[in-house]
Amino acid sequence: MGKFCEVCHKGIVYGNNVSHSNRKTRRTWAPNTQKVRVLVNGTATRMSVCTRCLRSGKVERAI
């Protein structure tokens, strides 16, 4: 699954597009996830992490 954060488990949210005439069609909101190399138990692993977790320092990036 591409749009899923493996740290905070944030995923796709569903809702409606609402036009000016109040017609509704389905739409999705996806989190901004990045494929990054992260240190997990001392080893580098590639994970899908949202930018909020990267910015707040919830993961340690592998170099």
Protein backbone atom coordinates (compact mmCIF):
# COMPACT_ATOMS: atom_id res chain seq x y z
CA MET A 1 0.00 0.00 0.00
CA GLY A 2 1.60 3.25 -1.12
CA LYS A 3 -0.29 5.90 0.82
CA PHE A 4 0.04 4.49 4.33
CA CYS A 5 2.45 5.59 7.08
CA GLU A 6 4.10 2.60 8.75
CA VAL A 7 4.94 4.64 11.88
CA CYS A 8 1.69 6.40 12.87
CA HIS A 9 -0.65 4.25 10.70
CA LYS A 10 -2.11 7.28 8.96
CA GLY A 11 -3.93 6.25 5.80
CA ILE A 12 -6.36 7.39 3.14
CA VAL A 13 -9.45 9.31 4.31
CA TYR A 14 -12.66 9.36 2.25
CA GLY A 15 -15.21 12.13 1.80
CA ASN A 16 -17.16 14.16 -0.73
CA ASN A 17 -16.43 16.83 -3.29
CA VAL A 18 -19.25 19.34 -2.82
CA SER A 19 -19.96 21.61 -5.78
CA HIS A 20 -21.54 25.05 -5.71
CA SER A 21 -24.89 23.45 -6.58
CA ASN A 22 -24.39 21.05 -3.61
CA ARG A 23 -23.88 17.93 -5.76
CA LYS A 24 -21.63 15.37 -4.07
CA THR A 25 -19.07 13.02 -5.60
CA ARG A 26 -16.67 10.77 -3.71
CA ARG A 27 -13.02 11.77 -3.26
CA THR A 28 -10.01 10.79 -1.17
CA TRP A 29 -7.33 12.53 0.87
CA ALA A 30 -3.98 10.76 0.96
CA PRO A 31 -1.14 11.52 3.41
CA ASN A 32 2.17 12.75 2.04
CA THR A 33 4.28 9.59 2.41
CA GLN A 34 7.90 9.20 1.40
CA LYS A 35 9.94 6.02 0.91
CA VAL A 36 12.92 6.50 3.25
CA ARG A 37 15.65 4.31 4.70
CA VAL A 38 15.08 4.10 8.47
CA LEU A 39 17.10 2.49 11.24
CA VAL A 40 15.03 -0.29 12.84
CA ASN A 41 16.83 -2.26 15.58
CA GLY A 42 20.19 -1.12 14.21
CA THR A 43 19.53 -2.20 10.61
CA ALA A 44 18.52 0.00 7.68
CA THR A 45 15.03 -0.76 6.36
CA ARG A 46 13.06 0.99 3.63
CA MET A 47 9.70 2.20 4.98
CA SER A 48 6.84 4.39 3.84
CA VAL A 49 6.73 7.28 6.36
CA CYS A 50 4.57 10.41 6.34
CA THR A 51 6.28 13.78 6.35
CA ARG A 52 4.79 14.66 9.75
CA CYS A 53 6.65 11.72 11.34
CA LEU A 54 9.86 12.64 9.50
CA ARG A 55 9.65 16.26 10.60
CA SER A 56 8.84 15.47 14.25
CA GLY A 57 11.73 13.01 14.57
CA LYS A 58 9.69 9.86 15.23
CA VAL A 59 12.10 7.88 13.02
CA GLU A 60 15.88 7.88 12.70
CA ARG A 61 17.03 8.11 9.08
CA ALA A 62 19.76 5.77 7.86
CA ILE A 63 22.60 7.33 5.88
